[in-house]
Protein backbone atom coordinates (compact mmCIF):
# COMPACT_ATOMS: atom_id res chain seq x y z
CA MET A 1 21.44 -14.70 1.48
CA LEU A 2 18.28 -12.83 0.29
CA THR A 3 16.19 -15.37 -1.14
CA SER A 4 13.13 -15.39 -3.46
CA ARG A 5 10.74 -15.84 -0.61
CA PHE A 6 12.39 -13.07 1.55
CA LEU A 7 12.01 -10.43 -1.43
CA ARG A 8 8.42 -11.68 -2.04
CA LEU A 9 7.45 -10.54 1.52
CA VAL A 10 8.95 -7.29 1.33
CA LEU A 11 7.85 -6.63 -2.06
CA TRP A 12 4.23 -7.39 -1.00
CA HIS A 13 4.54 -5.35 2.01
CA CYS A 14 5.72 -2.40 -0.27
CA LEU A 15 3.46 -2.88 -2.77
CA ALA A 16 0.32 -2.87 0.24
CA GLY A 17 2.46 -0.03 1.54
CA LEU A 18 1.84 1.93 -1.65
CA ALA A 19 -1.44 0.90 -2.02
CA ILE A 20 -1.91 2.11 1.79
CA VAL A 21 -0.63 5.38 1.29
CA VAL A 22 -1.81 6.24 -2.53
CA LEU A 23 -4.84 5.84 -3.05
CA PRO A 24 -7.44 5.83 -0.28
CA MET A 25 -6.21 9.61 0.31
CA MET A 26 -7.28 10.31 -3.25
CA ALA A 27 -10.94 8.93 -2.51
CA ALA A 28 -11.40 10.60 0.85
CA GLY A 29 -10.36 14.20 -0.89
CA GLN A 30 -12.53 13.28 -3.71
CA GLY A 31 -15.67 12.27 -1.43
CA ARG A 32 -15.70 15.93 0.22
CA ALA A 33 -15.86 17.67 -3.06
CA ALA A 34 -19.45 17.91 -4.12
CA ALA A 35 -18.11 19.69 -7.77
CA ARG A 36 -15.94 16.89 -8.45
CA ASP A 37 -18.02 14.68 -10.60
CA ARG A 38 -15.40 12.01 -11.75
CA HIS A 39 -11.65 12.20 -11.68
CA GLU A 40 -8.94 9.74 -13.27
CA LEU A 41 -5.48 9.39 -11.83
CA ASN A 42 -2.51 7.25 -13.30
CA LEU A 43 0.66 6.64 -11.89
CA SER A 44 3.80 4.74 -12.76
CA TYR A 45 6.24 3.94 -10.12
CA VAL A 46 10.30 2.12 -10.65
CA ILE A 47 11.23 -0.46 -8.23
CA THR A 48 15.01 -0.21 -7.57
CA ILE A 49 16.97 -2.52 -5.03
CA ALA A 50 20.84 -1.67 -4.34
CA GLY A 51 20.59 0.96 -7.03
CA MET A 52 19.53 -1.57 -9.57
CA ARG A 53 16.08 -1.30 -11.45
CA ILE A 54 14.06 -4.70 -10.94
CA GLY A 55 10.83 -3.78 -12.05
CA GLY A 56 7.90 -1.45 -12.00
CA ILE A 57 4.36 -0.29 -10.55
CA SER A 58 1.21 1.08 -12.34
CA VAL A 59 -1.46 2.49 -10.53
CA GLY A 60 -5.09 3.80 -11.54
CA GLY A 61 -8.01 4.96 -9.88
CA THR A 62 -11.61 6.49 -10.70
CA PHE A 63 -13.61 8.80 -8.18
CA ALA A 64 -17.13 9.51 -8.90
CA ASP A 65 -19.76 10.87 -6.45
CA SER A 66 -18.83 8.92 -2.99
CA GLY A 67 -17.56 5.88 -4.90
CA TYR A 68 -13.82 4.77 -5.57
CA ALA A 69 -12.62 1.79 -7.69
CA ILE A 70 -8.93 1.71 -7.56
CA ALA A 71 -6.20 -0.97 -9.03
CA LEU A 72 -2.51 -1.65 -8.94
CA ARG A 73 0.05 -3.89 -11.15
CA GLY A 74 3.50 -4.64 -10.09
CA SER A 75 6.32 -6.76 -10.99
CA ALA A 76 10.00 -7.28 -10.22
CA GLY A 77 12.34 -9.61 -11.97
CA GLY A 78 14.95 -12.02 -10.38
CA ILE A 79 18.14 -10.41 -9.56
CA THR A 80 20.04 -13.80 -8.10
CA ARG A 81 19.41 -17.12 -9.56
CA ARG A 82 17.56 -18.08 -6.36
CA MET A 83 14.89 -15.90 -7.27
CA ALA A 84 12.31 -15.86 -9.73
CA ASP A 85 10.41 -13.29 -11.13
CA THR A 86 7.11 -12.17 -9.15
CA SER A 87 4.34 -10.03 -10.35
CA ALA A 88 1.34 -8.87 -8.29
CA TRP A 89 -1.96 -6.88 -8.23
CA MET A 90 -4.78 -5.48 -6.37
CA ALA A 91 -7.99 -4.04 -6.81
CA ALA A 92 -10.46 -2.48 -4.58
CA ASN A 93 -13.84 -0.60 -4.53
CA GLY A 94 -15.98 0.80 -2.13
CA THR A 95 -17.87 4.28 -0.91
CA ILE A 96 -17.32 7.09 1.15
CA ARG A 97 -19.24 8.70 3.96
CA GLY A 98 -18.32 12.09 4.86
CA ALA A 99 -14.59 10.97 6.85
CA VAL A 100 -15.57 7.53 7.12
CA VAL A 101 -14.11 4.98 4.40
CA LEU A 102 -16.28 1.83 3.60
CA PRO A 103 -14.59 -0.56 1.43
CA ASP A 104 -16.93 -3.15 -0.43
CA ARG A 105 -14.52 -5.72 -2.00
CA PHE A 106 -10.83 -6.18 -2.11
CA GLU A 107 -8.85 -8.74 -4.30
CA PHE A 108 -5.13 -9.62 -4.90
CA GLY A 109 -2.86 -11.80 -6.62
CA MET A 110 0.88 -12.76 -6.78
CA GLN A 111 2.35 -15.14 -9.31
CA GLU A 112 5.98 -16.50 -9.18
CA ASP A 113 7.47 -19.11 -11.23
CA GLY A 114 4.22 -20.46 -12.49
CA VAL A 115 3.00 -20.75 -8.93
CA SER A 116 -0.14 -18.37 -7.95
CA VAL A 117 -1.60 -16.81 -4.79
CA GLU A 118 -5.11 -15.18 -4.78
CA ALA A 119 -7.30 -14.00 -2.45
CA GLN A 120 -11.08 -12.22 -2.83
CA MET A 121 -12.40 -10.51 0.16
CA ARG A 122 -15.93 -8.94 0.58
CA LEU A 123 -16.40 -6.40 3.72
CA ALA A 124 -19.20 -4.65 5.30
CA ASP A 125 -19.35 -2.06 8.13
CA GLY A 126 -15.42 -2.83 8.56
CA GLY A 127 -16.03 -6.49 8.88
CA VAL A 128 -14.57 -9.16 6.18
CA THR A 129 -17.99 -11.15 5.47
CA ASP A 130 -16.78 -13.67 2.78
CA LEU A 131 -13.16 -14.68 2.06
CA HIS A 132 -11.83 -17.03 -0.85
CA VAL A 133 -8.20 -17.49 -0.80
CA VAL A 134 -5.91 -19.93 -3.10
CA PRO A 135 -4.22 -22.02 -1.78
CA GLY A 136 -6.06 -21.96 1.60
CA LEU A 137 -4.97 -20.28 4.72
CA GLN A 138 -1.80 -22.19 6.32
CA ALA A 139 -2.10 -23.97 9.55
CA GLY A 140 0.76 -25.16 11.67
CA LEU A 141 2.52 -24.86 14.75
CA ASP A 142 4.44 -22.05 13.42
CA ILE A 143 1.56 -20.01 12.22
CA VAL A 144 -0.19 -17.64 14.35
CA PRO A 145 -3.94 -18.35 13.85
CA LEU A 146 -6.71 -15.76 12.42
CA THR A 147 -10.10 -15.91 14.64
CA ILE A 148 -13.16 -14.12 13.38
CA ASP A 149 -11.77 -11.21 16.20
CA HIS A 150 -8.90 -10.35 13.60
CA VAL A 151 -10.90 -9.45 10.81
CA GLN A 152 -13.34 -7.11 12.40
CA GLY A 153 -12.66 -3.63 12.70
CA VAL A 154 -10.01 -3.73 9.81
CA VAL A 155 -9.50 -2.42 6.07
CA ASP A 156 -7.74 -3.80 3.15
CA PRO A 157 -4.29 -2.68 1.64
CA MET A 158 -6.17 -0.40 -0.83
CA SER A 159 -8.88 1.45 1.22
CA ALA A 160 -6.69 1.65 4.30
CA PHE A 161 -5.05 5.31 4.32
CA PHE A 162 -7.97 7.76 4.24
CA ALA A 163 -6.61 11.14 5.25
CA PRO A 164 -9.28 13.40 4.47
CA PHE A 165 -8.82 17.19 4.43
CA GLU A 166 -10.83 19.95 3.57
CA ASP A 167 -10.39 21.92 0.14
CA GLY A 168 -7.94 24.73 0.44
CA SER A 169 -6.60 23.71 3.74
CA LEU A 170 -3.14 23.73 4.70
CA ILE A 171 -1.87 20.06 4.63
CA THR A 172 0.96 19.18 6.83
CA GLY A 173 2.98 16.12 7.60
CA GLU A 174 1.15 15.22 10.84
CA ASP A 175 -1.97 15.09 8.95
CA VAL A 176 -0.96 12.38 6.50
CA CYS A 177 1.35 10.52 8.69
CA SER A 178 0.30 10.03 12.52
CA ARG A 179 -2.13 7.03 12.46
CA THR A 180 -2.15 3.37 13.01
CA LEU A 181 -3.93 1.25 10.18
CA PRO A 182 -5.37 -2.10 11.19
CA ILE A 183 -5.05 -4.11 7.90
CA PHE A 184 -6.29 -7.69 6.43
CA ASP A 185 -5.16 -8.26 3.30
CA GLY A 186 -6.77 -11.89 2.88
CA ARG A 187 -3.67 -13.73 4.70
CA GLN A 188 -2.35 -11.65 7.19
CA ARG A 189 -3.50 -9.23 9.97
CA TYR A 190 -1.26 -6.64 10.80
CA ASP A 191 -0.95 -3.03 11.84
CA LEU A 192 0.96 -0.26 10.11
CA SER A 193 2.00 2.81 12.56
CA MET A 194 3.17 5.58 10.86
CA VAL A 195 4.96 8.51 12.71
CA TYR A 196 5.75 12.13 10.86
CA ARG A 197 9.43 12.53 10.67
CA HIS A 198 10.33 15.98 8.40
CA THR A 199 9.38 17.98 5.34
CA GLU A 200 11.37 19.06 2.67
CA THR A 201 10.88 20.59 -0.90
CA LEU A 202 11.65 18.58 -4.03
CA SER A 203 12.68 20.22 -7.21
CA GLY A 204 14.32 19.37 -10.41
CA ALA A 205 13.80 19.94 -14.07
CA ARG A 206 13.13 16.10 -15.06
CA ALA A 207 11.21 15.41 -11.86
CA PRO A 208 7.41 14.47 -11.97
CA TYR A 209 6.83 16.86 -9.00
CA SER A 210 8.55 19.97 -7.37
CA GLY A 211 7.13 21.15 -4.20
CA PRO A 212 6.72 20.07 -0.36
CA ALA A 213 7.19 16.26 0.56
CA PHE A 214 6.16 14.74 3.85
CA THR A 215 8.22 11.94 5.28
CA CYS A 216 6.63 9.15 7.39
CA GLU A 217 8.35 6.31 9.34
CA ALA A 218 6.40 2.89 9.06
CA VAL A 219 6.53 0.28 11.33
CA TYR A 220 4.88 -3.39 10.33
CA LEU A 221 3.49 -5.20 13.48
CA PRO A 222 2.23 -8.82 12.52
CA ILE A 223 -0.62 -9.78 14.57
CA ALA A 224 -2.18 -13.18 12.71
CA GLY A 225 -1.66 -15.23 9.55
CA HIS A 226 2.16 -15.14 9.79
CA SER A 227 4.92 -17.55 10.60
CA LEU A 228 6.93 -17.18 13.72
CA THR A 229 9.68 -19.15 12.22
CA ARG A 230 10.24 -17.20 8.71
CA SER A 231 13.11 -15.19 9.16
CA ALA A 232 11.41 -12.23 6.83
CA VAL A 233 8.33 -11.72 9.39
CA PRO A 234 10.91 -10.57 12.07
CA PHE A 235 12.77 -8.72 9.66
CA MET A 236 10.03 -6.68 8.65
CA SER A 237 8.61 -5.87 12.05
CA GLY A 238 12.16 -4.80 13.30
CA ASN A 239 12.94 -2.69 10.41
CA MET A 240 13.42 0.86 11.34
CA ARG A 241 14.11 2.26 7.76
CA PHE A 242 10.63 1.70 6.29
CA GLU A 243 9.95 5.09 5.21
CA ALA A 244 7.19 6.84 2.98
CA GLN A 245 7.25 10.05 1.27
CA LEU A 246 4.23 11.58 0.40
CA ILE A 247 3.22 14.74 -1.71
CA PRO A 248 0.16 16.81 -1.79
CA ILE A 249 -1.70 17.11 -5.28
CA THR A 250 -3.36 20.41 -4.45
CA GLU A 251 -5.73 20.54 -7.60
CA LEU A 252 -7.29 17.14 -6.02
CA GLY A 253 -6.85 17.90 -2.44
CA VAL A 254 -5.18 14.56 -1.87
CA ALA A 255 -1.57 13.17 -1.11
CA ILE A 256 -0.04 10.37 -2.65
CA PRO A 257 3.37 8.67 -2.02
CA PHE A 258 6.36 10.05 -3.95
CA ARG A 259 9.11 7.41 -2.65
CA LEU A 260 8.83 4.25 -0.75
CA GLN A 261 12.02 2.93 0.96
CA ILE A 262 12.62 -0.09 3.04
CA SER A 263 16.06 -1.68 3.60
CA THR A 264 16.92 -5.44 2.95
CA GLU A 265 19.96 -7.66 3.33
CA ILE A 266 21.57 -6.22 0.02
CA GLY A 267 20.54 -2.97 -0.11
CA ASP A 268 17.79 -0.49 0.17
CA LEU A 269 14.30 -1.35 -2.13
CA ILE A 270 13.03 1.72 -3.44
CA ILE A 271 9.49 2.51 -5.30
CA ARG A 272 9.90 6.02 -6.66
CA LEU A 273 7.23 7.89 -8.73
CA ASP A 274 7.84 8.10 -12.23
CA ARG A 275 4.96 9.35 -14.00
CA ILE A 276 1.68 11.22 -12.83
CA GLU A 277 -1.44 12.02 -14.84
CA VAL A 278 -4.61 13.65 -13.78
CA ARG A 279 -7.88 13.88 -15.77
């Protein structure tokens, strides 16, 4: 049976995955173009499971000079009596120096059936310098403990996937997919390893985008802060159908997700681009 806890974890990693493959790439491309003083990008996504629409996600980012500020909000409605409505949000800001991304602050929150989880995190030079989590970090025999080493050399989910490429250069699937991301989201430390699979051409009169799309396969590897006994964690780490399809936005020199897909016990959970606006 697909439980509320299971859907919450899957939805959270899809939201984090969307942040990972959307926004930092925009900021990286922005930071390499001196002529671009300021840009805004607004995106909306639809969430479906087993073909049924259960929610949506909105993403917004502002990029000026070498700084970035980005935010994401998403919600999903319960599809069984065992599932409560779930909503989540993330926000991050930082700077870019050349090809290096330096996040300064990350925040996230999730609410389900009146119960909230929140975290605020500050970072400097790739390490966490301050962390506030409500409720507090879990401890127990089944929880892999976090140490100070686990929060060094990391990025937050919304600043994790910077993939800069020169303006006017030919971007390939290998450019955007082939990397392993060391991520700390305020509660858990995990790696997301991505591998390029194939390229296809998208088209359609009603589609928000037409052109090449790069498909990456993602593998979730839990490292610390997670439970050893909850079934959702081994399911996520053993799931071979966690895919991200990325599309290039040539006028900005960036790539964003067109589609995320992860299999669940009752069908595929899909997050798909519905609208894109660049200013």
